[in-house]
Amino acid sequence: MTTHDLLFLNPVQREGLNVTVRHGTKWHDQASPGDALVIKRTGDEDTQVARGRVLFCELVLFEDIPKFWLLFEHDPGCQTPDGLRKAMDRAYGEGNWGHYVSILFYVV
């Protein structure tokens, strides 16, 4: 079992099941069920906001993310494809994230 730092621009978390969408394959390749997560705010990596546990991670095309999955997005502003697209642009820079995204399912 591995412990990962999980950074957020908006580290608000739901109690229970959460989803976060990340650019590329990094999380899909690294996160395994049961891994521990230390949740932190980007730019304040010395402060823990919450702890979580990985359930699983899926790699999908952005356009193929099931809308149902977005209901569990940790950030209420990302619970629609348009809101998520805007957040991805803020996090990675407009046009700097690809079509494939990792969907990390975790519990807090």
PDB file of N, CA and C in Angstrom:
ATOM      1  N   MET A   1       0.846  -1.172   0.000  1.00  0.00           N
ATOM      2  CA  MET A   1       0.000   0.000   0.000  1.00  0.00           C
ATOM      3  C   MET A   1       0.895   1.240   0.000  1.00  0.00           C
ATOM      4  N   THR A   2       0.504   2.236  -0.793  1.00  0.00           N
ATOM      5  CA  THR A   2       1.268   3.458  -0.969  1.00  0.00           C
ATOM      6  C   THR A   2       0.461   4.649  -0.462  1.00  0.00           C
ATOM      7  N   THR A   3       1.157   5.690  -0.041  1.00  0.00           N
ATOM      8  CA  THR A   3       0.506   6.950   0.327  1.00  0.00           C
ATOM      9  C   THR A   3       0.840   7.990  -0.730  1.00  0.00           C
ATOM     10  N   HIS A   4      -0.186   8.686  -1.215  1.00  0.00           N
ATOM     11  CA  HIS A   4      -0.030   9.713  -2.251  1.00  0.00           C
ATOM     12  C   HIS A   4      -0.513  11.056  -1.717  1.00  0.00           C
ATOM     13  N   ASP A   5       0.197  12.128  -2.067  1.00  0.00           N
ATOM     14  CA  ASP A   5      -0.329  13.468  -1.860  1.00  0.00           C
ATOM     15  C   ASP A   5      -1.257  13.774  -3.028  1.00  0.00           C
ATOM     16  N   LEU A   6      -2.443  14.258  -2.731  1.00  0.00           N
ATOM     17  CA  LEU A   6      -3.431  14.607  -3.753  1.00  0.00           C
ATOM     18  C   LEU A   6      -3.710  16.095  -3.608  1.00  0.00           C
ATOM     19  N   LEU A   7      -3.262  16.884  -4.591  1.00  0.00           N
ATOM     20  CA  LEU A   7      -3.343  18.339  -4.524  1.00  0.00           C
ATOM     21  C   LEU A   7      -4.580  18.867  -5.243  1.00  0.00           C
ATOM     22  N   PHE A   8      -5.182  19.894  -4.655  1.00  0.00           N
ATOM     23  CA  PHE A   8      -6.389  20.502  -5.203  1.00  0.00           C
ATOM     24  C   PHE A   8      -6.277  22.015  -5.170  1.00  0.00           C
ATOM     25  N   LEU A   9      -6.727  22.686  -6.231  1.00  0.00           N
ATOM     26  CA  LEU A   9      -6.901  24.128  -6.189  1.00  0.00           C
ATOM     27  C   LEU A   9      -8.048  24.471  -5.243  1.00  0.00           C
ATOM     28  N   ASN A  10      -9.086  23.640  -5.247  1.00  0.00           N
ATOM     29  CA  ASN A  10     -10.234  23.800  -4.350  1.00  0.00           C
ATOM     30  C   ASN A  10     -10.397  22.482  -3.595  1.00  0.00           C
ATOM     31  N   PRO A  11      -9.798  22.389  -2.392  1.00  0.00           N
ATOM     32  CA  PRO A  11      -9.761  21.098  -1.702  1.00  0.00           C
ATOM     33  C   PRO A  11     -11.034  20.734  -0.927  1.00  0.00           C
ATOM     34  N   VAL A  12     -12.158  21.326  -1.261  1.00  0.00           N
ATOM     35  CA  VAL A  12     -13.408  20.948  -0.611  1.00  0.00           C
ATOM     36  C   VAL A  12     -13.665  19.463  -0.883  1.00  0.00           C
ATOM     37  N   GLN A  13     -14.130  18.744   0.134  1.00  0.00           N
ATOM     38  CA  GLN A  13     -14.368  17.302   0.004  1.00  0.00           C
ATOM     39  C   GLN A  13     -15.760  16.960   0.508  1.00  0.00           C
ATOM     40  N   ARG A  14     -16.348  15.955  -0.089  1.00  0.00           N
ATOM     41  CA  ARG A  14     -17.628  15.419   0.357  1.00  0.00           C
ATOM     42  C   ARG A  14     -17.340  14.336   1.397  1.00  0.00           C
ATOM     43  N   GLU A  15     -18.195  14.172   2.344  1.00  0.00           N
ATOM     44  CA  GLU A  15     -18.049  13.050   3.267  1.00  0.00           C
ATOM     45  C   GLU A  15     -18.466  11.794   2.518  1.00  0.00           C
ATOM     46  N   GLY A  16     -17.612  10.784   2.526  1.00  0.00           N
ATOM     47  CA  GLY A  16     -17.903   9.541   1.816  1.00  0.00           C
ATOM     48  C   GLY A  16     -17.239   9.515   0.454  1.00  0.00           C
ATOM     49  N   LEU A  17     -17.993   9.113  -0.568  1.00  0.00           N
ATOM     50  CA  LEU A  17     -17.463   8.926  -1.918  1.00  0.00           C
ATOM     51  C   LEU A  17     -17.183  10.256  -2.608  1.00  0.00           C
ATOM     52  N   ASN A  18     -15.993  10.355  -3.198  1.00  0.00           N
ATOM     53  CA  ASN A  18     -15.575  11.512  -3.982  1.00  0.00           C
ATOM     54  C   ASN A  18     -14.994  11.042  -5.301  1.00  0.00           C
ATOM     55  N   VAL A  19     -15.032  11.942  -6.275  1.00  0.00           N
ATOM     56  CA  VAL A  19     -14.402  11.729  -7.572  1.00  0.00           C
ATOM     57  C   VAL A  19     -13.570  12.967  -7.868  1.00  0.00           C
ATOM     58  N   THR A  20     -12.397  12.759  -8.438  1.00  0.00           N
ATOM     59  CA  THR A  20     -11.624  13.858  -8.995  1.00  0.00           C
ATOM     60  C   THR A  20     -11.139  13.443 -10.373  1.00  0.00           C
ATOM     61  N   VAL A  21     -11.112  14.399 -11.286  1.00  0.00           N
ATOM     62  CA  VAL A  21     -10.702  14.142 -12.668  1.00  0.00           C
ATOM     63  C   VAL A  21      -9.335  14.764 -12.858  1.00  0.00           C
ATOM     64  N   ARG A  22      -8.399  13.973 -13.353  1.00  0.00           N
ATOM     65  CA  ARG A  22      -7.019  14.409 -13.534  1.00  0.00           C
ATOM     66  C   ARG A  22      -6.571  14.178 -14.970  1.00  0.00           C
ATOM     67  N   HIS A  23      -5.751  15.077 -15.462  1.00  0.00           N
ATOM     68  CA  HIS A  23      -5.201  14.995 -16.816  1.00  0.00           C
ATOM     69  C   HIS A  23      -4.296  13.772 -16.963  1.00  0.00           C
ATOM     70  N   GLY A  24      -4.448  13.063 -18.068  1.00  0.00           N
ATOM     71  CA  GLY A  24      -3.508  12.008 -18.428  1.00  0.00           C
ATOM     72  C   GLY A  24      -3.633  10.723 -17.628  1.00  0.00           C
ATOM     73  N   THR A  25      -2.546   9.965 -17.636  1.00  0.00           N
ATOM     74  CA  THR A  25      -2.560   8.610 -17.088  1.00  0.00           C
ATOM     75  C   THR A  25      -1.864   8.469 -15.741  1.00  0.00           C
ATOM     76  N   LYS A  26      -1.252   9.550 -15.222  1.00  0.00           N
ATOM     77  CA  LYS A  26      -0.443   9.446 -13.999  1.00  0.00           C
ATOM     78  C   LYS A  26      -1.199   8.732 -12.874  1.00  0.00           C
ATOM     79  N   TRP A  27      -2.392   9.207 -12.541  1.00  0.00           N
ATOM     80  CA  TRP A  27      -3.118   8.605 -11.426  1.00  0.00           C
ATOM     81  C   TRP A  27      -3.586   7.204 -11.767  1.00  0.00           C
ATOM     82  N   HIS A  28      -3.968   6.983 -12.995  1.00  0.00           N
ATOM     83  CA  HIS A  28      -4.393   5.645 -13.409  1.00  0.00           C
ATOM     84  C   HIS A  28      -3.245   4.651 -13.267  1.00  0.00           C
ATOM     85  N   ASP A  29      -2.035   5.102 -13.587  1.00  0.00           N
ATOM     86  CA  ASP A  29      -0.854   4.229 -13.521  1.00  0.00           C
ATOM     87  C   ASP A  29      -0.338   4.025 -12.096  1.00  0.00           C
ATOM     88  N   GLN A  30      -0.574   5.002 -11.205  1.00  0.00           N
ATOM     89  CA  GLN A  30       0.032   4.956  -9.867  1.00  0.00           C
ATOM     90  C   GLN A  30      -0.910   4.517  -8.752  1.00  0.00           C
ATOM     91  N   ALA A  31      -2.164   4.904  -8.819  1.00  0.00           N
ATOM     92  CA  ALA A  31      -3.084   4.665  -7.697  1.00  0.00           C
ATOM     93  C   ALA A  31      -3.663   3.256  -7.754  1.00  0.00           C
ATOM     94  N   SER A  32      -3.633   2.602  -6.615  1.00  0.00           N
ATOM     95  CA  SER A  32      -4.201   1.257  -6.498  1.00  0.00           C
ATOM     96  C   SER A  32      -5.265   1.248  -5.410  1.00  0.00           C
ATOM     97  N   PRO A  33      -6.264   0.385  -5.537  1.00  0.00           N
ATOM     98  CA  PRO A  33      -7.273   0.297  -4.481  1.00  0.00           C
ATOM     99  C   PRO A  33      -6.620   0.089  -3.113  1.00  0.00           C
ATOM    100  N   GLY A  34      -7.090   0.869  -2.141  1.00  0.00           N
ATOM    101  CA  GLY A  34      -6.566   0.784  -0.787  1.00  0.00           C
ATOM    102  C   GLY A  34      -5.458   1.767  -0.479  1.00  0.00           C
ATOM    103  N   ASP A  35      -4.842   2.374  -1.498  1.00  0.00           N
ATOM    104  CA  ASP A  35      -3.797   3.356  -1.251  1.00  0.00           C
ATOM    105  C   ASP A  35      -4.350   4.516  -0.426  1.00  0.00           C
ATOM    106  N   ALA A  36      -3.502   5.068   0.436  1.00  0.00           N
ATOM    107  CA  ALA A  36      -3.886   6.215   1.256  1.00  0.00           C
ATOM    108  C   ALA A  36      -3.653   7.511   0.481  1.00  0.00           C
ATOM    109  N   LEU A  37      -4.513   8.491   0.737  1.00  0.00           N
ATOM    110  CA  LEU A  37      -4.397   9.812   0.128  1.00  0.00           C
ATOM    111  C   LEU A  37      -4.279  10.864   1.225  1.00  0.00           C
ATOM    112  N   VAL A  38      -3.314  11.753   1.069  1.00  0.00           N
ATOM    113  CA  VAL A  38      -3.207  12.920   1.924  1.00  0.00           C
ATOM    114  C   VAL A  38      -3.630  14.105   1.053  1.00  0.00           C
ATOM    115  N   ILE A  39      -4.757  14.687   1.384  1.00  0.00           N
ATOM    116  CA  ILE A  39      -5.360  15.730   0.567  1.00  0.00           C
ATOM    117  C   ILE A  39      -4.848  17.086   1.031  1.00  0.00           C
ATOM    118  N   LYS A  40      -4.326  17.867   0.054  1.00  0.00           N
ATOM    119  CA  LYS A  40      -3.709  19.159   0.347  1.00  0.00           C
ATOM    120  C   LYS A  40      -4.133  20.184  -0.689  1.00  0.00           C
ATOM    121  N   ARG A  41      -4.013  21.450  -0.303  1.00  0.00           N
ATOM    122  CA  ARG A  41      -4.287  22.557  -1.224  1.00  0.00           C
ATOM    123  C   ARG A  41      -3.019  22.847  -2.030  1.00  0.00           C
ATOM    124  N   THR A  42      -3.163  22.993  -3.327  1.00  0.00           N
ATOM    125  CA  THR A  42      -2.047  23.387  -4.175  1.00  0.00           C
ATOM    126  C   THR A  42      -1.485  24.707  -3.668  1.00  0.00           C
ATOM    127  N   GLY A  43      -0.183  24.750  -3.467  1.00  0.00           N
ATOM    128  CA  GLY A  43       0.469  25.940  -2.963  1.00  0.00           C
ATOM    129  C   GLY A  43       0.634  25.946  -1.448  1.00  0.00           C
ATOM    130  N   ASP A  44      -0.010  25.004  -0.766  1.00  0.00           N
ATOM    131  CA  ASP A  44       0.119  24.877   0.688  1.00  0.00           C
ATOM    132  C   ASP A  44       0.299  23.401   1.016  1.00  0.00           C
ATOM    133  N   GLU A  45       1.332  22.812   0.408  1.00  0.00           N
ATOM    134  CA  GLU A  45       1.555  21.371   0.511  1.00  0.00           C
ATOM    135  C   GLU A  45       1.968  20.901   1.895  1.00  0.00           C
ATOM    136  N   ASP A  46       2.251  21.840   2.819  1.00  0.00           N
ATOM    137  CA  ASP A  46       2.641  21.456   4.175  1.00  0.00           C
ATOM    138  C   ASP A  46       1.439  21.202   5.073  1.00  0.00           C
ATOM    139  N   THR A  47       0.244  21.556   4.605  1.00  0.00           N
ATOM    140  CA  THR A  47      -0.961  21.436   5.422  1.00  0.00           C
ATOM    141  C   THR A  47      -1.890  20.368   4.864  1.00  0.00           C
ATOM    142  N   GLN A  48      -2.227  19.416   5.705  1.00  0.00           N
ATOM    143  CA  GLN A  48      -3.184  18.364   5.322  1.00  0.00           C
ATOM    144  C   GLN A  48      -4.609  18.897   5.518  1.00  0.00           C
ATOM    145  N   VAL A  49      -5.429  18.757   4.479  1.00  0.00           N
ATOM    146  CA  VAL A  49      -6.832  19.169   4.541  1.00  0.00           C
ATOM    147  C   VAL A  49      -7.705  17.999   4.985  1.00  0.00           C
ATOM    148  N   ALA A  50      -7.393  16.825   4.471  1.00  0.00           N
ATOM    149  CA  ALA A  50      -8.171  15.613   4.781  1.00  0.00           C
ATOM    150  C   ALA A  50      -7.328  14.403   4.419  1.00  0.00           C
ATOM    151  N   ARG A  51      -7.847  13.252   4.774  1.00  0.00           N
ATOM    152  CA  ARG A  51      -7.233  11.977   4.367  1.00  0.00           C
ATOM    153  C   ARG A  51      -8.292  11.161   3.663  1.00  0.00           C
ATOM    154  N   GLY A  52      -7.844  10.336   2.730  1.00  0.00           N
ATOM    155  CA  GLY A  52      -8.774   9.499   1.998  1.00  0.00           C
ATOM    156  C   GLY A  52      -8.151   8.161   1.651  1.00  0.00           C
ATOM    157  N   ARG A  53      -8.944   7.352   0.955  1.00  0.00           N
ATOM    158  CA  ARG A  53      -8.508   6.014   0.549  1.00  0.00           C
ATOM    159  C   ARG A  53      -9.001   5.774  -0.872  1.00  0.00           C
ATOM    160  N   VAL A  54      -8.090   5.326  -1.749  1.00  0.00           N
ATOM    161  CA  VAL A  54      -8.430   5.050  -3.146  1.00  0.00           C
ATOM    162  C   VAL A  54      -9.363   3.850  -3.225  1.00  0.00           C
ATOM    163  N   LEU A  55     -10.440   3.995  -3.986  1.00  0.00           N
ATOM    164  CA  LEU A  55     -11.300   2.861  -4.310  1.00  0.00           C
ATOM    165  C   LEU A  55     -10.859   2.248  -5.631  1.00  0.00           C
ATOM    166  N   PHE A  56     -10.806   3.064  -6.682  1.00  0.00           N
ATOM    167  CA  PHE A  56     -10.310   2.621  -7.985  1.00  0.00           C
ATOM    168  C   PHE A  56     -10.110   3.839  -8.872  1.00  0.00           C
ATOM    169  N   CYS A  57      -9.505   3.622 -10.030  1.00  0.00           N
ATOM    170  CA  CYS A  57      -9.245   4.698 -10.977  1.00  0.00           C
ATOM    171  C   CYS A  57      -9.530   4.186 -12.384  1.00  0.00           C
ATOM    172  N   GLU A  58     -10.203   5.002 -13.178  1.00  0.00           N
ATOM    173  CA  GLU A  58     -10.533   4.648 -14.557  1.00  0.00           C
ATOM    174  C   GLU A  58      -9.912   5.660 -15.507  1.00  0.00           C
ATOM    175  N   LEU A  59      -9.465   5.198 -16.665  1.00  0.00           N
ATOM    176  CA  LEU A  59      -8.940   6.055 -17.717  1.00  0.00           C
ATOM    177  C   LEU A  59      -9.981   6.115 -18.824  1.00  0.00           C
ATOM    178  N   VAL A  60     -10.446   7.330 -19.140  1.00  0.00           N
ATOM    179  CA  VAL A  60     -11.491   7.494 -20.160  1.00  0.00           C
ATOM    180  C   VAL A  60     -11.202   8.743 -20.985  1.00  0.00           C
ATOM    181  N   LEU A  61     -11.862   8.826 -22.122  1.00  0.00           N
ATOM    182  CA  LEU A  61     -11.868  10.071 -22.878  1.00  0.00           C
ATOM    183  C   LEU A  61     -12.728  11.074 -22.125  1.00  0.00           C
ATOM    184  N   PHE A  62     -12.313  12.327 -22.096  1.00  0.00           N
ATOM    185  CA  PHE A  62     -13.084  13.343 -21.387  1.00  0.00           C
ATOM    186  C   PHE A  62     -14.552  13.315 -21.818  1.00  0.00           C
ATOM    187  N   GLU A  63     -14.782  13.193 -23.103  1.00  0.00           N
ATOM    188  CA  GLU A  63     -16.142  13.218 -23.650  1.00  0.00           C
ATOM    189  C   GLU A  63     -16.979  12.020 -23.204  1.00  0.00           C
ATOM    190  N   ASP A  64     -16.320  10.970 -22.727  1.00  0.00           N
ATOM    191  CA  ASP A  64     -17.025   9.743 -22.341  1.00  0.00           C
ATOM    192  C   ASP A  64     -17.248   9.616 -20.834  1.00  0.00           C
ATOM    193  N   ILE A  65     -16.922  10.654 -20.068  1.00  0.00           N
ATOM    194  CA  ILE A  65     -17.160  10.578 -18.625  1.00  0.00           C
ATOM    195  C   ILE A  65     -18.670  10.475 -18.396  1.00  0.00           C
ATOM    196  N   PRO A  66     -19.130   9.424 -17.736  1.00  0.00           N
ATOM    197  CA  PRO A  66     -20.560   9.330 -17.447  1.00  0.00           C
ATOM    198  C   PRO A  66     -20.999  10.480 -16.531  1.00  0.00           C
ATOM    199  N   LYS A  67     -22.071  11.156 -16.912  1.00  0.00           N
ATOM    200  CA  LYS A  67     -22.562  12.276 -16.105  1.00  0.00           C
ATOM    201  C   LYS A  67     -22.881  11.840 -14.680  1.00  0.00           C
ATOM    202  N   PHE A  68     -23.275  10.590 -14.505  1.00  0.00           N
ATOM    203  CA  PHE A  68     -23.568  10.070 -13.176  1.00  0.00           C
ATOM    204  C   PHE A  68     -22.337  10.150 -12.276  1.00  0.00           C
ATOM    205  N   TRP A  69     -21.147   9.862 -12.839  1.00  0.00           N
ATOM    206  CA  TRP A  69     -19.926   9.923 -12.047  1.00  0.00           C
ATOM    207  C   TRP A  69     -19.685  11.335 -11.513  1.00  0.00           C
ATOM    208  N   LEU A  70     -20.039  12.344 -12.314  1.00  0.00           N
ATOM    209  CA  LEU A  70     -19.787  13.728 -11.917  1.00  0.00           C
ATOM    210  C   LEU A  70     -20.634  14.154 -10.724  1.00  0.00           C
ATOM    211  N   LEU A  71     -21.680  13.418 -10.424  1.00  0.00           N
ATOM    212  CA  LEU A  71     -22.483  13.723  -9.240  1.00  0.00           C
ATOM    213  C   LEU A  71     -21.661  13.577  -7.967  1.00  0.00           C
ATOM    214  N   PHE A  72     -20.572  12.812  -8.028  1.00  0.00           N
ATOM    215  CA  PHE A  72     -19.709  12.571  -6.870  1.00  0.00           C
ATOM    216  C   PHE A  72     -18.435  13.405  -6.903  1.00  0.00           C
ATOM    217  N   GLU A  73     -18.341  14.335  -7.859  1.00  0.00           N
ATOM    218  CA  GLU A  73     -17.183  15.225  -7.940  1.00  0.00           C
ATOM    219  C   GLU A  73     -17.026  15.950  -6.613  1.00  0.00           C
ATOM    220  N   HIS A  74     -15.801  16.003  -6.117  1.00  0.00           N
ATOM    221  CA  HIS A  74     -15.543  16.664  -4.825  1.00  0.00           C
ATOM    222  C   HIS A  74     -15.918  18.140  -4.864  1.00  0.00           C
ATOM    223  N   ASP A  75     -15.766  18.777  -6.014  1.00  0.00           N
ATOM    224  CA  ASP A  75     -16.025  20.214  -6.176  1.00  0.00           C
ATOM    225  C   ASP A  75     -17.396  20.398  -6.822  1.00  0.00           C
ATOM    226  N   PRO A  76     -18.346  20.996  -6.121  1.00  0.00           N
ATOM    227  CA  PRO A  76     -19.682  21.166  -6.694  1.00  0.00           C
ATOM    228  C   PRO A  76     -19.680  21.899  -8.043  1.00  0.00           C
ATOM    229  N   GLY A  77     -18.693  22.751  -8.287  1.00  0.00           N
ATOM    230  CA  GLY A  77     -18.597  23.462  -9.555  1.00  0.00           C
ATOM    231  C   GLY A  77     -18.194  22.583 -10.723  1.00  0.00           C
ATOM    232  N   CYS A  78     -17.813  21.347 -10.435  1.00  0.00           N
ATOM    233  CA  CYS A  78     -17.355  20.415 -11.477  1.00  0.00           C
ATOM    234  C   CYS A  78     -18.342  19.281 -11.720  1.00  0.00           C
ATOM    235  N   GLN A  79     -19.553  19.443 -11.287  1.00  0.00           N
ATOM    236  CA  GLN A  79     -20.526  18.359 -11.410  1.00  0.00           C
ATOM    237  C   GLN A  79     -21.267  18.360 -12.738  1.00  0.00           C
ATOM    238  N   THR A  80     -20.840  19.231 -13.662  1.00  0.00           N
ATOM    239  CA  THR A  80     -21.344  19.215 -15.037  1.00  0.00           C
ATOM    240  C   THR A  80     -20.136  19.181 -15.968  1.00  0.00           C
ATOM    241  N   PRO A  81     -20.299  18.669 -17.182  1.00  0.00           N
ATOM    242  CA  PRO A  81     -19.160  18.657 -18.111  1.00  0.00           C
ATOM    243  C   PRO A  81     -18.589  20.060 -18.353  1.00  0.00           C
ATOM    244  N   ASP A  82     -19.453  21.077 -18.475  1.00  0.00           N
ATOM    245  CA  ASP A  82     -18.973  22.437 -18.717  1.00  0.00           C
ATOM    246  C   ASP A  82     -18.193  22.964 -17.511  1.00  0.00           C
ATOM    247  N   GLY A  83     -18.713  22.759 -16.319  1.00  0.00           N
ATOM    248  CA  GLY A  83     -18.013  23.194 -15.108  1.00  0.00           C
ATOM    249  C   GLY A  83     -16.683  22.488 -14.946  1.00  0.00           C
ATOM    250  N   LEU A  84     -16.668  21.194 -15.241  1.00  0.00           N
ATOM    251  CA  LEU A  84     -15.433  20.425 -15.149  1.00  0.00           C
ATOM    252  C   LEU A  84     -14.413  20.917 -16.173  1.00  0.00           C
ATOM    253  N   ARG A  85     -14.855  21.182 -17.386  1.00  0.00           N
ATOM    254  CA  ARG A  85     -13.949  21.676 -18.436  1.00  0.00           C
ATOM    255  C   ARG A  85     -13.301  22.998 -17.988  1.00  0.00           C
ATOM    256  N   LYS A  86     -14.082  23.895 -17.412  1.00  0.00           N
ATOM    257  CA  LYS A  86     -13.538  25.173 -16.939  1.00  0.00           C
ATOM    258  C   LYS A  86     -12.519  24.955 -15.824  1.00  0.00           C
ATOM    259  N   ALA A  87     -12.804  24.043 -14.915  1.00  0.00           N
ATOM    260  CA  ALA A  87     -11.869  23.754 -13.820  1.00  0.00           C
ATOM    261  C   ALA A  87     -10.582  23.124 -14.352  1.00  0.00           C
ATOM    262  N   MET A  88     -10.698  22.254 -15.340  1.00  0.00           N
ATOM    263  CA  MET A  88      -9.506  21.638 -15.936  1.00  0.00           C
ATOM    264  C   MET A  88      -8.648  22.717 -16.603  1.00  0.00           C
ATOM    265  N   ASP A  89      -9.286  23.685 -17.272  1.00  0.00           N
ATOM    266  CA  ASP A  89      -8.545  24.792 -17.881  1.00  0.00           C
ATOM    267  C   ASP A  89      -7.822  25.613 -16.813  1.00  0.00           C
ATOM    268  N   ARG A  90      -8.472  25.847 -15.665  1.00  0.00           N
ATOM    269  CA  ARG A  90      -7.831  26.599 -14.585  1.00  0.00           C
ATOM    270  C   ARG A  90      -6.655  25.809 -14.004  1.00  0.00           C
ATOM    271  N   ALA A  91      -6.838  24.522 -13.837  1.00  0.00           N
ATOM    272  CA  ALA A  91      -5.808  23.696 -13.202  1.00  0.00           C
ATOM    273  C   ALA A  91      -4.601  23.448 -14.101  1.00  0.00           C
ATOM    274  N   TYR A  92      -4.847  23.201 -15.371  1.00  0.00           N
ATOM    275  CA  TYR A  92      -3.765  22.779 -16.266  1.00  0.00           C
ATOM    276  C   TYR A  92      -3.415  23.811 -17.331  1.00  0.00           C
ATOM    277  N   GLY A  93      -4.243  24.827 -17.461  1.00  0.00           N
ATOM    278  CA  GLY A  93      -4.061  25.804 -18.528  1.00  0.00           C
ATOM    279  C   GLY A  93      -4.908  25.412 -19.721  1.00  0.00           C
ATOM    280  N   GLU A  94      -5.556  26.386 -20.303  1.00  0.00           N
ATOM    281  CA  GLU A  94      -6.439  26.106 -21.440  1.00  0.00           C
ATOM    282  C   GLU A  94      -5.647  25.454 -22.567  1.00  0.00           C
ATOM    283  N   GLY A  95      -6.144  24.311 -23.004  1.00  0.00           N
ATOM    284  CA  GLY A  95      -5.491  23.575 -24.077  1.00  0.00           C
ATOM    285  C   GLY A  95      -4.304  22.728 -23.633  1.00  0.00           C
ATOM    286  N   ASN A  96      -3.980  22.715 -22.339  1.00  0.00           N
ATOM    287  CA  ASN A  96      -2.829  21.958 -21.849  1.00  0.00           C
ATOM    288  C   ASN A  96      -3.198  20.620 -21.233  1.00  0.00           C
ATOM    289  N   TRP A  97      -4.408  20.192 -21.432  1.00  0.00           N
ATOM    290  CA  TRP A  97      -4.797  18.865 -20.953  1.00  0.00           C
ATOM    291  C   TRP A  97      -5.436  18.144 -22.121  1.00  0.00           C
ATOM    292  N   GLY A  98      -5.166  16.837 -22.147  1.00  0.00           N
ATOM    293  CA  GLY A  98      -5.564  16.042 -23.299  1.00  0.00           C
ATOM    294  C   GLY A  98      -6.950  15.454 -23.176  1.00  0.00           C
ATOM    295  N   HIS A  99      -7.267  14.641 -24.146  1.00  0.00           N
ATOM    296  CA  HIS A  99      -8.587  14.011 -24.191  1.00  0.00           C
ATOM    297  C   HIS A  99      -8.725  12.910 -23.150  1.00  0.00           C
ATOM    298  N   TYR A 100      -7.625  12.210 -22.832  1.00  0.00           N
ATOM    299  CA  TYR A 100      -7.696  11.144 -21.836  1.00  0.00           C
ATOM    300  C   TYR A 100      -7.522  11.725 -20.442  1.00  0.00           C
ATOM    301  N   VAL A 101      -8.396  11.300 -19.553  1.00  0.00           N
ATOM    302  CA  VAL A 101      -8.334  11.744 -18.166  1.00  0.00           C
ATOM    303  C   VAL A 101      -8.468  10.524 -17.254  1.00  0.00           C
ATOM    304  N   SER A 102      -7.860  10.651 -16.085  1.00  0.00           N
ATOM    305  CA  SER A 102      -8.010   9.617 -15.052  1.00  0.00           C
ATOM    306  C   SER A 102      -9.097  10.071 -14.095  1.00  0.00           C
ATOM    307  N   ILE A 103     -10.029   9.192 -13.826  1.00  0.00           N
ATOM    308  CA  ILE A 103     -11.112   9.452 -12.878  1.00  0.00           C
ATOM    309  C   ILE A 103     -10.782   8.669 -11.618  1.00  0.00           C
ATOM    310  N   LEU A 104     -10.420   9.401 -10.555  1.00  0.00           N
ATOM    311  CA  LEU A 104     -10.036   8.780  -9.305  1.00  0.00           C
ATOM    312  C   LEU A 104     -11.246   8.764  -8.368  1.00  0.00           C
ATOM    313  N   PHE A 105     -11.657   7.569  -7.970  1.00  0.00           N
ATOM    314  CA  PHE A 105     -12.732   7.376  -7.008  1.00  0.00           C
ATOM    315  C   PHE A 105     -12.088   7.103  -5.657  1.00  0.00           C
ATOM    316  N   TYR A 106     -12.500   7.856  -4.647  1.00  0.00           N
ATOM    317  CA  TYR A 106     -11.906   7.695  -3.320  1.00  0.00           C
ATOM    318  C   TYR A 106     -12.922   8.058  -2.244  1.00  0.00           C
ATOM    319  N   VAL A 107     -12.652   7.629  -1.031  1.00  0.00           N
ATOM    320  CA  VAL A 107     -13.519   7.955   0.106  1.00  0.00           C
ATOM    321  C   VAL A 107     -12.733   8.801   1.096  1.00  0.00           C
ATOM    322  N   VAL A 108     -13.462   9.708   1.723  1.00  0.00           N
ATOM    323  CA  VAL A 108     -12.910  10.567   2.770  1.00  0.00           C
ATOM    324  C   VAL A 108     -13.655  10.264   4.041  1.00  0.00           C
TER     325      VAL A 108
END
